């Protein structure tokens, strides 16, 4: 499992639309948002490729000014190791 933390900066007036668009992406969760347009987001996927694809999609969302990967961790899936 790949777990990434992303700091997203969005246009403040587009914040509701950005939150809805990000929340609609499978594997993406918005944890917090400020009135200034900053969001704390996590990405959880089964592959590094899918994490990269989601990070790219986040950056391409209308209203998103920037997205910065803050943290990434790979954890083996205990069900697959058994």
PDB file of N, CA and C in Angstrom:
ATOM      1  N   UNK A   1       0.849  -1.171   0.000  1.00  0.00           N
ATOM      2  CA  UNK A   1       0.000   0.000   0.000  1.00  0.00           C
ATOM      3  C   UNK A   1       0.895   1.234   0.000  1.00  0.00           C
ATOM      4  N   UNK A   2       0.559   2.183  -0.856  1.00  0.00           N
ATOM      5  CA  UNK A   2       1.242   3.466  -0.918  1.00  0.00           C
ATOM      6  C   UNK A   2       0.367   4.511  -0.255  1.00  0.00           C
ATOM      7  N   UNK A   3       0.952   5.250   0.667  1.00  0.00           N
ATOM      8  CA  UNK A   3       0.236   6.312   1.364  1.00  0.00           C
ATOM      9  C   UNK A   3       1.017   7.601   1.153  1.00  0.00           C
ATOM     10  N   UNK A   4       0.333   8.617   0.646  1.00  0.00           N
ATOM     11  CA  UNK A   4       0.973   9.904   0.391  1.00  0.00           C
ATOM     12  C   UNK A   4       0.160  11.012   1.028  1.00  0.00           C
ATOM     13  N   UNK A   5       0.862  12.025   1.495  1.00  0.00           N
ATOM     14  CA  UNK A   5       0.231  13.218   2.026  1.00  0.00           C
ATOM     15  C   UNK A   5       0.545  14.360   1.076  1.00  0.00           C
ATOM     16  N   UNK A   6      -0.488  15.120   0.729  1.00  0.00           N
ATOM     17  CA  UNK A   6      -0.352  16.189  -0.262  1.00  0.00           C
ATOM     18  C   UNK A   6      -0.940  17.476   0.301  1.00  0.00           C
ATOM     19  N   UNK A   7      -0.197  18.563   0.134  1.00  0.00           N
ATOM     20  CA  UNK A   7      -0.703  19.893   0.472  1.00  0.00           C
ATOM     21  C   UNK A   7      -1.153  20.538  -0.828  1.00  0.00           C
ATOM     22  N   UNK A   8      -2.437  20.878  -0.908  1.00  0.00           N
ATOM     23  CA  UNK A   8      -3.020  21.464  -2.115  1.00  0.00           C
ATOM     24  C   UNK A   8      -3.359  22.918  -1.828  1.00  0.00           C
ATOM     25  N   UNK A   9      -3.024  23.783  -2.775  1.00  0.00           N
ATOM     26  CA  UNK A   9      -3.395  25.191  -2.678  1.00  0.00           C
ATOM     27  C   UNK A   9      -4.360  25.473  -3.818  1.00  0.00           C
ATOM     28  N   UNK A  10      -5.572  25.900  -3.467  1.00  0.00           N
ATOM     29  CA  UNK A  10      -6.622  26.153  -4.446  1.00  0.00           C
ATOM     30  C   UNK A  10      -7.049  27.614  -4.412  1.00  0.00           C
ATOM     31  N   UNK A  11      -7.677  28.044  -5.478  1.00  0.00           N
ATOM     32  CA  UNK A  11      -8.278  29.377  -5.510  1.00  0.00           C
ATOM     33  C   UNK A  11      -9.383  29.382  -4.450  1.00  0.00           C
ATOM     34  N   UNK A  12      -9.341  30.316  -3.503  1.00  0.00           N
ATOM     35  CA  UNK A  12     -10.312  30.287  -2.405  1.00  0.00           C
ATOM     36  C   UNK A  12     -11.773  30.236  -2.853  1.00  0.00           C
ATOM     37  N   UNK A  13     -12.120  30.979  -3.886  1.00  0.00           N
ATOM     38  CA  UNK A  13     -13.530  30.985  -4.312  1.00  0.00           C
ATOM     39  C   UNK A  13     -13.942  29.652  -4.960  1.00  0.00           C
ATOM     40  N   UNK A  14     -12.969  28.833  -5.358  1.00  0.00           N
ATOM     41  CA  UNK A  14     -13.255  27.536  -5.973  1.00  0.00           C
ATOM     42  C   UNK A  14     -13.133  26.389  -4.978  1.00  0.00           C
ATOM     43  N   UNK A  15     -12.922  26.703  -3.718  1.00  0.00           N
ATOM     44  CA  UNK A  15     -12.665  25.676  -2.700  1.00  0.00           C
ATOM     45  C   UNK A  15     -13.750  24.597  -2.631  1.00  0.00           C
ATOM     46  N   UNK A  16     -15.038  24.924  -2.614  1.00  0.00           N
ATOM     47  CA  UNK A  16     -16.047  23.861  -2.539  1.00  0.00           C
ATOM     48  C   UNK A  16     -15.980  22.900  -3.735  1.00  0.00           C
ATOM     49  N   UNK A  17     -15.758  23.455  -4.926  1.00  0.00           N
ATOM     50  CA  UNK A  17     -15.679  22.624  -6.132  1.00  0.00           C
ATOM     51  C   UNK A  17     -14.426  21.744  -6.104  1.00  0.00           C
ATOM     52  N   UNK A  18     -13.309  22.307  -5.652  1.00  0.00           N
ATOM     53  CA  UNK A  18     -12.065  21.547  -5.572  1.00  0.00           C
ATOM     54  C   UNK A  18     -12.223  20.416  -4.556  1.00  0.00           C
ATOM     55  N   UNK A  19     -12.774  20.711  -3.398  1.00  0.00           N
ATOM     56  CA  UNK A  19     -12.985  19.672  -2.378  1.00  0.00           C
ATOM     57  C   UNK A  19     -13.862  18.547  -2.924  1.00  0.00           C
ATOM     58  N   UNK A  20     -14.932  18.897  -3.606  1.00  0.00           N
ATOM     59  CA  UNK A  20     -15.840  17.883  -4.154  1.00  0.00           C
ATOM     60  C   UNK A  20     -15.130  17.042  -5.218  1.00  0.00           C
ATOM     61  N   UNK A  21     -14.363  17.684  -6.084  1.00  0.00           N
ATOM     62  CA  UNK A  21     -13.661  16.963  -7.151  1.00  0.00           C
ATOM     63  C   UNK A  21     -12.616  16.017  -6.583  1.00  0.00           C
ATOM     64  N   UNK A  22     -11.871  16.478  -5.585  1.00  0.00           N
ATOM     65  CA  UNK A  22     -10.846  15.629  -4.988  1.00  0.00           C
ATOM     66  C   UNK A  22     -11.480  14.468  -4.227  1.00  0.00           C
ATOM     67  N   UNK A  23     -12.532  14.735  -3.497  1.00  0.00           N
ATOM     68  CA  UNK A  23     -13.210  13.684  -2.733  1.00  0.00           C
ATOM     69  C   UNK A  23     -13.827  12.623  -3.642  1.00  0.00           C
ATOM     70  N   UNK A  24     -14.127  12.982  -4.887  1.00  0.00           N
ATOM     71  CA  UNK A  24     -14.720  12.042  -5.834  1.00  0.00           C
ATOM     72  C   UNK A  24     -13.691  11.078  -6.424  1.00  0.00           C
ATOM     73  N   UNK A  25     -12.399  11.370  -6.255  1.00  0.00           N
ATOM     74  CA  UNK A  25     -11.348  10.495  -6.778  1.00  0.00           C
ATOM     75  C   UNK A  25     -11.144   9.320  -5.824  1.00  0.00           C
ATOM     76  N   UNK A  26     -11.260   8.106  -6.338  1.00  0.00           N
ATOM     77  CA  UNK A  26     -11.072   6.909  -5.509  1.00  0.00           C
ATOM     78  C   UNK A  26      -9.649   6.875  -4.968  1.00  0.00           C
ATOM     79  N   UNK A  27      -9.523   6.720  -3.647  1.00  0.00           N
ATOM     80  CA  UNK A  27      -8.215   6.674  -3.004  1.00  0.00           C
ATOM     81  C   UNK A  27      -7.744   8.016  -2.478  1.00  0.00           C
ATOM     82  N   UNK A  28      -8.532   9.067  -2.707  1.00  0.00           N
ATOM     83  CA  UNK A  28      -8.171  10.415  -2.257  1.00  0.00           C
ATOM     84  C   UNK A  28      -9.129  10.839  -1.152  1.00  0.00           C
ATOM     85  N   UNK A  29      -8.565  11.396  -0.088  1.00  0.00           N
ATOM     86  CA  UNK A  29      -9.386  11.889   1.016  1.00  0.00           C
ATOM     87  C   UNK A  29      -8.911  13.278   1.425  1.00  0.00           C
ATOM     88  N   UNK A  30      -9.863  14.207   1.538  1.00  0.00           N
ATOM     89  CA  UNK A  30      -9.571  15.561   2.010  1.00  0.00           C
ATOM     90  C   UNK A  30      -9.793  15.574   3.511  1.00  0.00           C
ATOM     91  N   UNK A  31      -8.744  15.926   4.264  1.00  0.00           N
ATOM     92  CA  UNK A  31      -8.827  15.897   5.720  1.00  0.00           C
ATOM     93  C   UNK A  31      -9.124  17.259   6.332  1.00  0.00           C
ATOM     94  N   UNK A  32      -8.662  18.311   5.683  1.00  0.00           N
ATOM     95  CA  UNK A  32      -8.869  19.652   6.231  1.00  0.00           C
ATOM     96  C   UNK A  32      -8.742  20.672   5.118  1.00  0.00           C
ATOM     97  N   UNK A  33      -9.399  21.814   5.317  1.00  0.00           N
ATOM     98  CA  UNK A  33      -9.313  22.917   4.356  1.00  0.00           C
ATOM     99  C   UNK A  33      -9.419  24.230   5.118  1.00  0.00           C
ATOM    100  N   UNK A  34      -8.714  25.239   4.605  1.00  0.00           N
ATOM    101  CA  UNK A  34      -8.793  26.576   5.202  1.00  0.00           C
ATOM    102  C   UNK A  34      -9.532  27.506   4.249  1.00  0.00           C
ATOM    103  N   UNK A  35     -10.009  28.618   4.774  1.00  0.00           N
ATOM    104  CA  UNK A  35     -10.696  29.608   3.946  1.00  0.00           C
ATOM    105  C   UNK A  35      -9.773  30.195   2.881  1.00  0.00           C
ATOM    106  N   UNK A  36      -8.459  30.129   3.128  1.00  0.00           N
ATOM    107  CA  UNK A  36      -7.483  30.666   2.179  1.00  0.00           C
ATOM    108  C   UNK A  36      -7.233  29.720   1.007  1.00  0.00           C
ATOM    109  N   UNK A  37      -7.811  28.513   1.039  1.00  0.00           N
ATOM    110  CA  UNK A  37      -7.691  27.586  -0.079  1.00  0.00           C
ATOM    111  C   UNK A  37      -6.645  26.500   0.082  1.00  0.00           C
ATOM    112  N   UNK A  38      -6.165  26.290   1.283  1.00  0.00           N
ATOM    113  CA  UNK A  38      -5.197  25.215   1.501  1.00  0.00           C
ATOM    114  C   UNK A  38      -5.928  23.969   2.009  1.00  0.00           C
ATOM    115  N   UNK A  39      -5.541  22.819   1.431  1.00  0.00           N
ATOM    116  CA  UNK A  39      -6.174  21.560   1.791  1.00  0.00           C
ATOM    117  C   UNK A  39      -5.108  20.529   2.150  1.00  0.00           C
ATOM    118  N   UNK A  40      -5.412  19.709   3.116  1.00  0.00           N
ATOM    119  CA  UNK A  40      -4.567  18.568   3.460  1.00  0.00           C
ATOM    120  C   UNK A  40      -5.273  17.339   2.925  1.00  0.00           C
ATOM    121  N   UNK A  41      -4.555  16.601   2.071  1.00  0.00           N
ATOM    122  CA  UNK A  41      -5.138  15.490   1.329  1.00  0.00           C
ATOM    123  C   UNK A  41      -4.251  14.260   1.486  1.00  0.00           C
ATOM    124  N   UNK A  42      -4.860  13.080   1.549  1.00  0.00           N
ATOM    125  CA  UNK A  42      -4.078  11.850   1.482  1.00  0.00           C
ATOM    126  C   UNK A  42      -4.490  11.051   0.255  1.00  0.00           C
ATOM    127  N   UNK A  43      -3.511  10.304  -0.252  1.00  0.00           N
ATOM    128  CA  UNK A  43      -3.724   9.381  -1.366  1.00  0.00           C
ATOM    129  C   UNK A  43      -3.329   8.000  -0.861  1.00  0.00           C
ATOM    130  N   UNK A  44      -4.216   7.029  -1.012  1.00  0.00           N
ATOM    131  CA  UNK A  44      -3.911   5.645  -0.648  1.00  0.00           C
ATOM    132  C   UNK A  44      -4.196   4.763  -1.857  1.00  0.00           C
ATOM    133  N   UNK A  45      -3.152   4.056  -2.320  1.00  0.00           N
ATOM    134  CA  UNK A  45      -3.286   3.203  -3.503  1.00  0.00           C
ATOM    135  C   UNK A  45      -2.499   1.908  -3.324  1.00  0.00           C
ATOM    136  N   UNK A  46      -2.720   1.004  -4.259  1.00  0.00           N
ATOM    137  CA  UNK A  46      -1.996  -0.261  -4.247  1.00  0.00           C
ATOM    138  C   UNK A  46      -0.700  -0.211  -5.047  1.00  0.00           C
ATOM    139  N   UNK A  47      -0.511   0.848  -5.840  1.00  0.00           N
ATOM    140  CA  UNK A  47       0.697   0.908  -6.667  1.00  0.00           C
ATOM    141  C   UNK A  47       1.248   2.333  -6.709  1.00  0.00           C
ATOM    142  N   UNK A  48       2.549   2.399  -6.920  1.00  0.00           N
ATOM    143  CA  UNK A  48       3.203   3.697  -7.061  1.00  0.00           C
ATOM    144  C   UNK A  48       2.695   4.415  -8.305  1.00  0.00           C
ATOM    145  N   UNK A  49       2.432   3.663  -9.365  1.00  0.00           N
ATOM    146  CA  UNK A  49       1.927   4.259 -10.597  1.00  0.00           C
ATOM    147  C   UNK A  49       0.580   4.939 -10.359  1.00  0.00           C
ATOM    148  N   UNK A  50      -0.324   4.278  -9.650  1.00  0.00           N
ATOM    149  CA  UNK A  50      -1.642   4.874  -9.380  1.00  0.00           C
ATOM    150  C   UNK A  50      -1.508   6.107  -8.489  1.00  0.00           C
ATOM    151  N   UNK A  51      -0.596   6.077  -7.532  1.00  0.00           N
ATOM    152  CA  UNK A  51      -0.356   7.258  -6.690  1.00  0.00           C
ATOM    153  C   UNK A  51       0.093   8.431  -7.546  1.00  0.00           C
ATOM    154  N   UNK A  52       0.993   8.160  -8.466  1.00  0.00           N
ATOM    155  CA  UNK A  52       1.493   9.195  -9.364  1.00  0.00           C
ATOM    156  C   UNK A  52       0.375   9.740 -10.255  1.00  0.00           C
ATOM    157  N   UNK A  53      -0.469   8.851 -10.764  1.00  0.00           N
ATOM    158  CA  UNK A  53      -1.598   9.273 -11.600  1.00  0.00           C
ATOM    159  C   UNK A  53      -2.556  10.179 -10.824  1.00  0.00           C
ATOM    160  N   UNK A  54      -2.852   9.796  -9.585  1.00  0.00           N
ATOM    161  CA  UNK A  54      -3.759  10.616  -8.770  1.00  0.00           C
ATOM    162  C   UNK A  54      -3.143  11.966  -8.436  1.00  0.00           C
ATOM    163  N   UNK A  55      -1.841  11.983  -8.153  1.00  0.00           N
ATOM    164  CA  UNK A  55      -1.166  13.247  -7.868  1.00  0.00           C
ATOM    165  C   UNK A  55      -1.256  14.166  -9.089  1.00  0.00           C
ATOM    166  N   UNK A  56      -1.071  13.608 -10.277  1.00  0.00           N
ATOM    167  CA  UNK A  56      -1.196  14.387 -11.510  1.00  0.00           C
ATOM    168  C   UNK A  56      -2.623  14.907 -11.685  1.00  0.00           C
ATOM    169  N   UNK A  57      -3.622  14.048 -11.422  1.00  0.00           N
ATOM    170  CA  UNK A  57      -5.020  14.464 -11.524  1.00  0.00           C
ATOM    171  C   UNK A  57      -5.349  15.594 -10.553  1.00  0.00           C
ATOM    172  N   UNK A  58      -4.817  15.511  -9.352  1.00  0.00           N
ATOM    173  CA  UNK A  58      -5.041  16.570  -8.367  1.00  0.00           C
ATOM    174  C   UNK A  58      -4.507  17.894  -8.908  1.00  0.00           C
ATOM    175  N   UNK A  59      -3.298  17.883  -9.450  1.00  0.00           N
ATOM    176  CA  UNK A  59      -2.689  19.093 -10.003  1.00  0.00           C
ATOM    177  C   UNK A  59      -3.484  19.669 -11.167  1.00  0.00           C
ATOM    178  N   UNK A  60      -4.198  18.817 -11.901  1.00  0.00           N
ATOM    179  CA  UNK A  60      -4.918  19.251 -13.093  1.00  0.00           C
ATOM    180  C   UNK A  60      -6.352  19.707 -12.818  1.00  0.00           C
ATOM    181  N   UNK A  61      -6.811  19.584 -11.589  1.00  0.00           N
ATOM    182  CA  UNK A  61      -8.184  19.958 -11.272  1.00  0.00           C
ATOM    183  C   UNK A  61      -8.380  21.467 -11.444  1.00  0.00           C
ATOM    184  N   UNK A  62      -9.502  21.877 -12.063  1.00  0.00           N
ATOM    185  CA  UNK A  62      -9.788  23.314 -12.155  1.00  0.00           C
ATOM    186  C   UNK A  62      -9.833  23.922 -10.754  1.00  0.00           C
ATOM    187  N   UNK A  63      -9.184  25.056 -10.588  1.00  0.00           N
ATOM    188  CA  UNK A  63      -9.154  25.740  -9.302  1.00  0.00           C
ATOM    189  C   UNK A  63      -7.947  25.403  -8.456  1.00  0.00           C
ATOM    190  N   UNK A  64      -7.196  24.357  -8.807  1.00  0.00           N
ATOM    191  CA  UNK A  64      -5.992  24.004  -8.061  1.00  0.00           C
ATOM    192  C   UNK A  64      -4.824  24.821  -8.588  1.00  0.00           C
ATOM    193  N   UNK A  65      -4.181  25.554  -7.691  1.00  0.00           N
ATOM    194  CA  UNK A  65      -3.013  26.356  -8.057  1.00  0.00           C
ATOM    195  C   UNK A  65      -1.741  25.525  -7.992  1.00  0.00           C
ATOM    196  N   UNK A  66      -1.636  24.679  -6.959  1.00  0.00           N
ATOM    197  CA  UNK A  66      -0.460  23.821  -6.813  1.00  0.00           C
ATOM    198  C   UNK A  66      -0.786  22.668  -5.868  1.00  0.00           C
ATOM    199  N   UNK A  67       0.010  21.612  -6.014  1.00  0.00           N
ATOM    200  CA  UNK A  67      -0.075  20.474  -5.108  1.00  0.00           C
ATOM    201  C   UNK A  67       1.351  20.032  -4.823  1.00  0.00           C
ATOM    202  N   UNK A  68       1.657  19.841  -3.553  1.00  0.00           N
ATOM    203  CA  UNK A  68       3.001  19.446  -3.149  1.00  0.00           C
ATOM    204  C   UNK A  68       2.941  18.153  -2.362  1.00  0.00           C
ATOM    205  N   UNK A  69       3.710  17.166  -2.817  1.00  0.00           N
ATOM    206  CA  UNK A  69       3.815  15.908  -2.086  1.00  0.00           C
ATOM    207  C   UNK A  69       4.646  16.186  -0.840  1.00  0.00           C
ATOM    208  N   UNK A  70       4.079  15.934   0.314  1.00  0.00           N
ATOM    209  CA  UNK A  70       4.747  16.209   1.572  1.00  0.00           C
ATOM    210  C   UNK A  70       5.360  14.940   2.161  1.00  0.00           C
ATOM    211  N   UNK A  71       4.694  13.806   1.926  1.00  0.00           N
ATOM    212  CA  UNK A  71       5.113  12.566   2.557  1.00  0.00           C
ATOM    213  C   UNK A  71       4.674  11.401   1.691  1.00  0.00           C
ATOM    214  N   UNK A  72       5.501  10.366   1.623  1.00  0.00           N
ATOM    215  CA  UNK A  72       5.125   9.142   0.929  1.00  0.00           C
ATOM    216  C   UNK A  72       5.702   7.957   1.696  1.00  0.00           C
ATOM    217  N   UNK A  73       4.879   6.932   1.850  1.00  0.00           N
ATOM    218  CA  UNK A  73       5.324   5.732   2.547  1.00  0.00           C
ATOM    219  C   UNK A  73       4.742   4.517   1.847  1.00  0.00           C
ATOM    220  N   UNK A  74       5.560   3.475   1.726  1.00  0.00           N
ATOM    221  CA  UNK A  74       5.091   2.200   1.207  1.00  0.00           C
ATOM    222  C   UNK A  74       4.998   1.232   2.364  1.00  0.00           C
ATOM    223  N   UNK A  75       3.848   0.605   2.512  1.00  0.00           N
ATOM    224  CA  UNK A  75       3.643  -0.417   3.537  1.00  0.00           C
ATOM    225  C   UNK A  75       3.192  -1.694   2.853  1.00  0.00           C
ATOM    226  N   UNK A  76       3.861  -2.814   3.140  1.00  0.00           N
ATOM    227  CA  UNK A  76       3.402  -4.076   2.553  1.00  0.00           C
ATOM    228  C   UNK A  76       1.987  -4.422   3.023  1.00  0.00           C
ATOM    229  N   UNK A  77       1.228  -5.041   2.142  1.00  0.00           N
ATOM    230  CA  UNK A  77      -0.134  -5.456   2.479  1.00  0.00           C
ATOM    231  C   UNK A  77      -0.050  -6.756   3.280  1.00  0.00           C
ATOM    232  N   UNK A  78      -0.445  -6.761   4.554  1.00  0.00           N
ATOM    233  CA  UNK A  78      -0.322  -7.966   5.375  1.00  0.00           C
ATOM    234  C   UNK A  78      -1.126  -9.144   4.819  1.00  0.00           C
ATOM    235  N   UNK A  79      -2.233  -8.877   4.129  1.00  0.00           N
ATOM    236  CA  UNK A  79      -3.051  -9.949   3.556  1.00  0.00           C
ATOM    237  C   UNK A  79      -2.316 -10.653   2.420  1.00  0.00           C
ATOM    238  N   UNK A  80      -1.499  -9.903   1.674  1.00  0.00           N
ATOM    239  CA  UNK A  80      -0.761 -10.488   0.559  1.00  0.00           C
ATOM    240  C   UNK A  80       0.508 -11.197   1.009  1.00  0.00           C
ATOM    241  N   UNK A  81       1.001 -10.864   2.196  1.00  0.00           N
ATOM    242  CA  UNK A  81       2.213 -11.486   2.696  1.00  0.00           C
ATOM    243  C   UNK A  81       1.954 -12.796   3.421  1.00  0.00           C
ATOM    244  N   UNK A  82       0.715 -13.002   3.836  1.00  0.00           N
ATOM    245  CA  UNK A  82       0.374 -14.211   4.607  1.00  0.00           C
ATOM    246  C   UNK A  82       0.368 -15.452   3.748  1.00  0.00           C
TER     247      UNK A  82
END
